[in-house]
Structures are given as C-alpha cells and as structure tokens.
PDB file of N, CA and C in Angstrom:
ATOM      1  N   MET A   1       0.507  -1.017  -0.135  1.00  0.00           N
ATOM      2  CA  MET A   1       0.028   0.133   0.152  1.00  0.00           C
ATOM      3  C   MET A   1       1.029   1.257  -0.092  1.00  0.00           C
ATOM      4  N   CYS A   2       0.246   2.408  -0.857  1.00  0.00           N
ATOM      5  CA  CYS A   2       1.325   3.698  -0.665  1.00  0.00           C
ATOM      6  C   CYS A   2       0.494   4.575   0.225  1.00  0.00           C
ATOM      7  N   LEU A   3       1.098   5.704   0.488  1.00  0.00           N
ATOM      8  CA  LEU A   3       0.970   6.363   1.374  1.00  0.00           C
ATOM      9  C   LEU A   3       0.293   7.520   0.167  1.00  0.00           C
ATOM     10  N   PRO A   4      -0.632   8.306   0.789  1.00  0.00           N
ATOM     11  CA  PRO A   4      -1.354   9.379   0.065  1.00  0.00           C
ATOM     12  C   PRO A   4      -0.133  10.054  -0.919  1.00  0.00           C
ATOM     13  N   SER A   5       0.639  10.484  -0.622  1.00  0.00           N
ATOM     14  CA  SER A   5       1.744  11.190  -1.158  1.00  0.00           C
ATOM     15  C   SER A   5       3.444  10.588  -0.839  1.00  0.00           C
ATOM     16  N   VAL A   6       4.023  11.064  -1.849  1.00  0.00           N
ATOM     17  CA  VAL A   6       5.543  10.428  -1.578  1.00  0.00           C
ATOM     18  C   VAL A   6       5.914  11.504  -0.724  1.00  0.00           C
ATOM     19  N   ILE A   7       7.069  10.981   0.023  1.00  0.00           N
ATOM     20  CA  ILE A   7       7.938  11.880   0.600  1.00  0.00           C
ATOM     21  C   ILE A   7       9.288  12.060  -0.270  1.00  0.00           C
ATOM     22  N   ASP A   8       9.459  13.297  -0.752  1.00  0.00           N
ATOM     23  CA  ASP A   8      10.512  13.699  -1.413  1.00  0.00           C
ATOM     24  C   ASP A   8      11.614  14.750  -0.719  1.00  0.00           C
ATOM     25  N   LYS A   9      12.574  14.091  -0.411  1.00  0.00           N
ATOM     26  CA  LYS A   9      14.104  14.326   0.135  1.00  0.00           C
ATOM     27  C   LYS A   9      14.998  14.205   0.242  1.00  0.00           C
ATOM     28  N   THR A  10      15.761  14.967   0.271  1.00  0.00           N
ATOM     29  CA  THR A  10      17.648  14.559  -0.172  1.00  0.00           C
ATOM     30  C   THR A  10      18.470  14.461   1.193  1.00  0.00           C
ATOM     31  N   ARG A  11      18.994  13.156   1.597  1.00  0.00           N
ATOM     32  CA  ARG A  11      19.639  13.256   2.792  1.00  0.00           C
ATOM     33  C   ARG A  11      20.904  13.183   2.756  1.00  0.00           C
ATOM     34  N   HIS A  12      21.776  13.753   3.447  1.00  0.00           N
ATOM     35  CA  HIS A  12      23.040  14.100   3.676  1.00  0.00           C
ATOM     36  C   HIS A  12      23.458  13.567   5.062  1.00  0.00           C
ATOM     37  N   ARG A  13      24.708  12.883   4.692  1.00  0.00           N
ATOM     38  CA  ARG A  13      25.367  12.357   5.860  1.00  0.00           C
ATOM     39  C   ARG A  13      26.597  13.081   6.544  1.00  0.00           C
ATOM     40  N   ILE A  14      26.654  13.625   7.538  1.00  0.00           N
ATOM     41  CA  ILE A  14      27.373  14.523   7.944  1.00  0.00           C
ATOM     42  C   ILE A  14      28.077  14.380   9.085  1.00  0.00           C
ATOM     43  N   ASP A  15      29.594  14.292   9.215  1.00  0.00           N
ATOM     44  CA  ASP A  15      30.423  13.638  10.428  1.00  0.00           C
ATOM     45  C   ASP A  15      30.581  14.876  11.440  1.00  0.00           C
ATOM     46  N   PHE A  16      30.611  14.795  12.310  1.00  0.00           N
ATOM     47  CA  PHE A  16      30.340  16.053  13.791  1.00  0.00           C
ATOM     48  C   PHE A  16      31.042  15.341  14.874  1.00  0.00           C
ATOM     49  N   ASP A  17      31.976  15.700  15.441  1.00  0.00           N
ATOM     50  CA  ASP A  17      32.495  15.545  16.588  1.00  0.00           C
ATOM     51  C   ASP A  17      32.313  13.971  16.804  1.00  0.00           C
ATOM     52  N   GLY A  18      32.630  12.919  15.925  1.00  0.00           N
ATOM     53  CA  GLY A  18      32.626  11.628  15.830  1.00  0.00           C
ATOM     54  C   GLY A  18      31.429  10.736  15.776  1.00  0.00           C
ATOM     55  N   HIS A  19      30.495  11.818  15.838  1.00  0.00           N
ATOM     56  CA  HIS A  19      29.185  11.221  15.176  1.00  0.00           C
ATOM     57  C   HIS A  19      28.739  11.427  13.525  1.00  0.00           C
ATOM     58  N   VAL A  20      27.756  10.818  13.050  1.00  0.00           N
ATOM     59  CA  VAL A  20      27.589  10.766  11.559  1.00  0.00           C
ATOM     60  C   VAL A  20      25.912  11.231  12.079  1.00  0.00           C
ATOM     61  N   TRP A  21      25.780  12.523  11.437  1.00  0.00           N
ATOM     62  CA  TRP A  21      24.103  13.101  11.684  1.00  0.00           C
ATOM     63  C   TRP A  21      23.702  12.958  10.161  1.00  0.00           C
ATOM     64  N   GLU A  22      22.410  12.502  10.138  1.00  0.00           N
ATOM     65  CA  GLU A  22      21.618  12.340   8.981  1.00  0.00           C
ATOM     66  C   GLU A  22      20.844  13.473   8.970  1.00  0.00           C
ATOM     67  N   VAL A  23      20.648  14.257   7.440  1.00  0.00           N
ATOM     68  CA  VAL A  23      20.079  15.540   7.521  1.00  0.00           C
ATOM     69  C   VAL A  23      19.207  15.378   6.393  1.00  0.00           C
ATOM     70  N   ASP A  24      17.885  15.644   6.772  1.00  0.00           N
ATOM     71  CA  ASP A  24      17.155  15.167   5.654  1.00  0.00           C
ATOM     72  C   ASP A  24      16.669  16.757   5.134  1.00  0.00           C
ATOM     73  N   VAL A  25      16.849  17.105   3.971  1.00  0.00           N
ATOM     74  CA  VAL A  25      16.300  18.186   3.250  1.00  0.00           C
ATOM     75  C   VAL A  25      14.930  17.980   2.209  1.00  0.00           C
ATOM     76  N   PHE A  26      13.930  18.435   2.692  1.00  0.00           N
ATOM     77  CA  PHE A  26      12.370  18.277   2.113  1.00  0.00           C
ATOM     78  C   PHE A  26      12.245  18.831   1.157  1.00  0.00           C
ATOM     79  N   HIS A  27      11.464  18.248   0.240  1.00  0.00           N
ATOM     80  CA  HIS A  27      11.116  18.743  -1.257  1.00  0.00           C
ATOM     81  C   HIS A  27       9.370  18.963  -1.237  1.00  0.00           C
ATOM     82  N   GLY A  28       9.289  19.268  -2.423  1.00  0.00           N
ATOM     83  CA  GLY A  28       7.642  19.234  -2.555  1.00  0.00           C
ATOM     84  C   GLY A  28       6.698  19.739  -1.604  1.00  0.00           C
ATOM     85  N   ALA A  29       5.798  19.031  -0.823  1.00  0.00           N
ATOM     86  CA  ALA A  29       4.918  19.554  -0.324  1.00  0.00           C
ATOM     87  C   ALA A  29       5.382  19.989   1.046  1.00  0.00           C
ATOM     88  N   ASN A  30       6.581  19.509   1.260  1.00  0.00           N
ATOM     89  CA  ASN A  30       7.260  20.029   2.575  1.00  0.00           C
ATOM     90  C   ASN A  30       8.515  20.896   2.517  1.00  0.00           C
ATOM     91  N   ASP A  31       8.530  21.221   1.509  1.00  0.00           N
ATOM     92  CA  ASP A  31      10.112  21.937   0.735  1.00  0.00           C
ATOM     93  C   ASP A  31      10.154  22.982   1.832  1.00  0.00           C
ATOM     94  N   GLY A  32      11.357  23.625   2.327  1.00  0.00           N
ATOM     95  CA  GLY A  32      11.732  23.796   3.595  1.00  0.00           C
ATOM     96  C   GLY A  32      11.987  23.326   4.827  1.00  0.00           C
ATOM     97  N   LEU A  33      11.476  22.486   5.006  1.00  0.00           N
ATOM     98  CA  LEU A  33      11.568  21.407   6.150  1.00  0.00           C
ATOM     99  C   LEU A  33      12.814  20.625   6.403  1.00  0.00           C
ATOM    100  N   VAL A  34      13.854  21.275   7.564  1.00  0.00           N
ATOM    101  CA  VAL A  34      15.144  19.952   7.006  1.00  0.00           C
ATOM    102  C   VAL A  34      15.208  19.474   8.786  1.00  0.00           C
ATOM    103  N   LEU A  35      14.969  18.297   8.596  1.00  0.00           N
ATOM    104  CA  LEU A  35      15.578  17.561  10.233  1.00  0.00           C
ATOM    105  C   LEU A  35      17.149  16.657   9.824  1.00  0.00           C
ATOM    106  N   ALA A  36      17.268  16.702  11.122  1.00  0.00           N
ATOM    107  CA  ALA A  36      18.740  15.892  11.530  1.00  0.00           C
ATOM    108  C   ALA A  36      18.449  15.245  12.591  1.00  0.00           C
ATOM    109  N   GLU A  37      19.021  13.758  12.395  1.00  0.00           N
ATOM    110  CA  GLU A  37      18.972  12.605  13.882  1.00  0.00           C
ATOM    111  C   GLU A  37      20.412  11.900  13.541  1.00  0.00           C
ATOM    112  N   VAL A  38      20.552  11.660  14.825  1.00  0.00           N
ATOM    113  CA  VAL A  38      21.795  10.821  14.630  1.00  0.00           C
ATOM    114  C   VAL A  38      21.772   9.603  15.563  1.00  0.00           C
ATOM    115  N   GLU A  39      21.864   8.373  15.194  1.00  0.00           N
ATOM    116  CA  GLU A  39      21.799   7.147  15.598  1.00  0.00           C
ATOM    117  C   GLU A  39      22.750   6.919  16.504  1.00  0.00           C
ATOM    118  N   LEU A  40      22.596   6.453  17.943  1.00  0.00           N
ATOM    119  CA  LEU A  40      23.772   5.894  19.089  1.00  0.00           C
ATOM    120  C   LEU A  40      23.359   4.720  18.978  1.00  0.00           C
ATOM    121  N   ASP A  41      24.699   3.936  19.687  1.00  0.00           N
ATOM    122  CA  ASP A  41      24.984   2.754  19.611  1.00  0.00           C
ATOM    123  C   ASP A  41      24.030   2.278  21.423  1.00  0.00           C
ATOM    124  N   ASP A  42      23.954   3.515  22.077  1.00  0.00           N
ATOM    125  CA  ASP A  42      23.856   3.669  23.747  1.00  0.00           C
ATOM    126  C   ASP A  42      22.801   4.223  24.024  1.00  0.00           C
ATOM    127  N   GLU A  43      22.019   4.812  24.690  1.00  0.00           N
ATOM    128  CA  GLU A  43      21.066   5.465  25.274  1.00  0.00           C
ATOM    129  C   GLU A  43      22.231   6.481  26.186  1.00  0.00           C
ATOM    130  N   SER A  44      22.722   6.136  26.577  1.00  0.00           N
ATOM    131  CA  SER A  44      23.639   7.039  27.664  1.00  0.00           C
ATOM    132  C   SER A  44      24.808   7.814  27.079  1.00  0.00           C
ATOM    133  N   VAL A  45      25.174   7.666  26.150  1.00  0.00           N
ATOM    134  CA  VAL A  45      25.730   8.578  25.055  1.00  0.00           C
ATOM    135  C   VAL A  45      24.858  10.032  24.794  1.00  0.00           C
ATOM    136  N   LYS A  46      25.847  10.975  25.015  1.00  0.00           N
ATOM    137  CA  LYS A  46      25.466  12.344  24.798  1.00  0.00           C
ATOM    138  C   LYS A  46      26.193  12.867  23.723  1.00  0.00           C
ATOM    139  N   PRO A  47      25.900  13.226  22.682  1.00  0.00           N
ATOM    140  CA  PRO A  47      26.849  13.506  21.673  1.00  0.00           C
ATOM    141  C   PRO A  47      26.746  14.999  21.867  1.00  0.00           C
ATOM    142  N   VAL A  48      28.099  15.698  21.395  1.00  0.00           N
ATOM    143  CA  VAL A  48      27.737  17.216  21.251  1.00  0.00           C
ATOM    144  C   VAL A  48      27.252  17.445  19.976  1.00  0.00           C
ATOM    145  N   LEU A  49      26.161  18.534  20.829  1.00  0.00           N
ATOM    146  CA  LEU A  49      25.315  19.040  19.544  1.00  0.00           C
ATOM    147  C   LEU A  49      25.641  20.207  18.628  1.00  0.00           C
ATOM    148  N   PRO A  50      25.492  19.919  17.077  1.00  0.00           N
ATOM    149  CA  PRO A  50      26.062  20.953  16.041  1.00  0.00           C
ATOM    150  C   PRO A  50      25.195  22.187  16.554  1.00  0.00           C
ATOM    151  N   PRO A  51      26.040  23.474  15.867  1.00  0.00           N
ATOM    152  CA  PRO A  51      25.381  24.654  16.189  1.00  0.00           C
ATOM    153  C   PRO A  51      24.529  25.025  15.434  1.00  0.00           C
ATOM    154  N   TRP A  52      24.358  24.010  14.396  1.00  0.00           N
ATOM    155  CA  TRP A  52      23.145  24.399  13.458  1.00  0.00           C
ATOM    156  C   TRP A  52      22.336  23.595  13.814  1.00  0.00           C
ATOM    157  N   LEU A  53      22.130  23.106  14.987  1.00  0.00           N
ATOM    158  CA  LEU A  53      20.761  22.196  15.105  1.00  0.00           C
ATOM    159  C   LEU A  53      19.751  23.380  15.761  1.00  0.00           C
ATOM    160  N   GLY A  54      18.750  22.678  15.076  1.00  0.00           N
ATOM    161  CA  GLY A  54      17.199  23.372  15.449  1.00  0.00           C
ATOM    162  C   GLY A  54      16.538  22.917  16.895  1.00  0.00           C
ATOM    163  N   LYS A  55      15.523  22.942  17.408  1.00  0.00           N
ATOM    164  CA  LYS A  55      14.900  22.613  18.037  1.00  0.00           C
ATOM    165  C   LYS A  55      14.262  21.200  18.045  1.00  0.00           C
ATOM    166  N   GLU A  56      13.962  20.283  19.224  1.00  0.00           N
ATOM    167  CA  GLU A  56      14.183  18.757  19.497  1.00  0.00           C
ATOM    168  C   GLU A  56      12.729  18.546  19.091  1.00  0.00           C
ATOM    169  N   VAL A  57      12.649  17.560  17.928  1.00  0.00           N
ATOM    170  CA  VAL A  57      11.218  17.132  17.829  1.00  0.00           C
ATOM    171  C   VAL A  57      11.029  15.820  17.403  1.00  0.00           C
ATOM    172  N   SER A  58      11.783  14.908  17.961  1.00  0.00           N
ATOM    173  CA  SER A  58      11.916  13.701  17.856  1.00  0.00           C
ATOM    174  C   SER A  58      10.276  12.703  18.451  1.00  0.00           C
ATOM    175  N   ASP A  59      10.016  13.871  19.555  1.00  0.00           N
ATOM    176  CA  ASP A  59       8.629  13.252  19.863  1.00  0.00           C
ATOM    177  C   ASP A  59       7.345  13.742  19.683  1.00  0.00           C
ATOM    178  N   ASP A  60       7.254  14.608  18.309  1.00  0.00           N
ATOM    179  CA  ASP A  60       6.311  15.031  17.899  1.00  0.00           C
ATOM    180  C   ASP A  60       5.811  14.390  16.726  1.00  0.00           C
ATOM    181  N   ALA A  61       4.692  13.727  16.842  1.00  0.00           N
ATOM    182  CA  ALA A  61       4.474  13.127  15.590  1.00  0.00           C
ATOM    183  C   ALA A  61       3.999  13.245  14.332  1.00  0.00           C
ATOM    184  N   ARG A  62       4.238  15.061  14.380  1.00  0.00           N
ATOM    185  CA  ARG A  62       3.818  15.609  13.201  1.00  0.00           C
ATOM    186  C   ARG A  62       4.872  15.459  11.807  1.00  0.00           C
ATOM    187  N   TYR A  63       6.130  15.154  12.670  1.00  0.00           N
ATOM    188  CA  TYR A  63       7.223  15.269  11.865  1.00  0.00           C
ATOM    189  C   TYR A  63       7.487  13.676  11.195  1.00  0.00           C
ATOM    190  N   PHE A  64       6.967  12.813  11.826  1.00  0.00           N
ATOM    191  CA  PHE A  64       6.831  11.534  11.373  1.00  0.00           C
ATOM    192  C   PHE A  64       6.735  11.565   9.789  1.00  0.00           C
ATOM    193  N   ASN A  65       7.215  10.682   8.980  1.00  0.00           N
ATOM    194  CA  ASN A  65       7.079  10.729   7.545  1.00  0.00           C
ATOM    195  C   ASN A  65       5.881  10.425   7.151  1.00  0.00           C
ATOM    196  N   ALA A  66       5.505   9.468   7.552  1.00  0.00           N
ATOM    197  CA  ALA A  66       4.036   9.217   7.612  1.00  0.00           C
ATOM    198  C   ALA A  66       2.965  10.313   7.569  1.00  0.00           C
ATOM    199  N   ASN A  67       3.013  10.907   8.479  1.00  0.00           N
ATOM    200  CA  ASN A  67       2.394  11.942   8.921  1.00  0.00           C
ATOM    201  C   ASN A  67       2.333  13.121   7.687  1.00  0.00           C
ATOM    202  N   LEU A  68       3.725  13.329   7.501  1.00  0.00           N
ATOM    203  CA  LEU A  68       4.044  14.468   6.636  1.00  0.00           C
ATOM    204  C   LEU A  68       3.216  14.006   4.996  1.00  0.00           C
ATOM    205  N   ALA A  69       3.098  12.610   5.129  1.00  0.00           N
ATOM    206  CA  ALA A  69       2.946  12.200   3.849  1.00  0.00           C
ATOM    207  C   ALA A  69       1.579  12.782   3.425  1.00  0.00           C
ATOM    208  N   VAL A  70       0.842  12.993   4.678  1.00  0.00           N
ATOM    209  CA  VAL A  70      -0.542  13.360   4.826  1.00  0.00           C
ATOM    210  C   VAL A  70      -1.013  14.518   5.273  1.00  0.00           C
ATOM    211  N   THR A  71      -0.077  15.524   6.077  1.00  0.00           N
ATOM    212  CA  THR A  71      -0.336  16.666   6.247  1.00  0.00           C
ATOM    213  C   THR A  71       1.351  17.331   6.178  1.00  0.00           C
ATOM    214  N   PRO A  72       1.614  17.987   5.127  1.00  0.00           N
ATOM    215  CA  PRO A  72       2.462  18.809   5.103  1.00  0.00           C
ATOM    216  C   PRO A  72       2.682  19.464   6.308  1.00  0.00           C
ATOM    217  N   PHE A  73       4.053  19.945   6.505  1.00  0.00           N
ATOM    218  CA  PHE A  73       4.518  20.521   7.658  1.00  0.00           C
ATOM    219  C   PHE A  73       4.425  22.152   7.583  1.00  0.00           C
ATOM    220  N   LYS A  74       3.955  22.549   6.251  1.00  0.00           N
ATOM    221  CA  LYS A  74       3.298  24.040   5.978  1.00  0.00           C
ATOM    222  C   LYS A  74       1.949  24.098   6.812  1.00  0.00           C
ATOM    223  N   ALA A  75       1.370  22.942   6.894  1.00  0.00           N
ATOM    224  CA  ALA A  75      -0.048  23.201   7.155  1.00  0.00           C
ATOM    225  C   ALA A  75       0.235  23.157   8.790  1.00  0.00           C
ATOM    226  N   PHE A  76       0.907  23.222   9.592  1.00  0.00           N
ATOM    227  CA  PHE A  76       0.721  23.291  11.197  1.00  0.00           C
ATOM    228  C   PHE A  76       1.786  24.269  11.454  1.00  0.00           C
TER     229      PHE A  76
END
C-alpha cells in the first residue's frame, strides 16, 4: 500500500564530533523542512550537538514521515 503522497527529500550524512548526523532536506509539499538525527549505539551517550541544530522534535508525531505524507509541515 502506498501513502497518499510520496515524501521527497535529499539525505545528507554529516560527520560532527565523532558521530554521523543524517540531515534530510525536504522538497515538494514539505519544501523548507530540514530534519537532523543521529543514531547512537547506547542511550547513555550524549553527543555534542552541532551549532546548526534547531529545536528537538523527536517526540512530535507531526514530523514522522507517515504524517508528513498526509499533512505537510506548512499546514501546522
């Protein structure tokens, strides 16, 4: 089954202070949205946050890809 629309984004991998950050730059209906995440092997690891990082949205369901496909971020 396909979602109502396709998520169009470009993923960049950026090394910063020993961690690889995945930065997604969205296009199309979500144009202008940029999200960054880092995968950690252990929850106790506290990576140095890059100075270009914005607010934390990990727990905000509006930013999940499945939700962005239905309701683009410009709508909220």
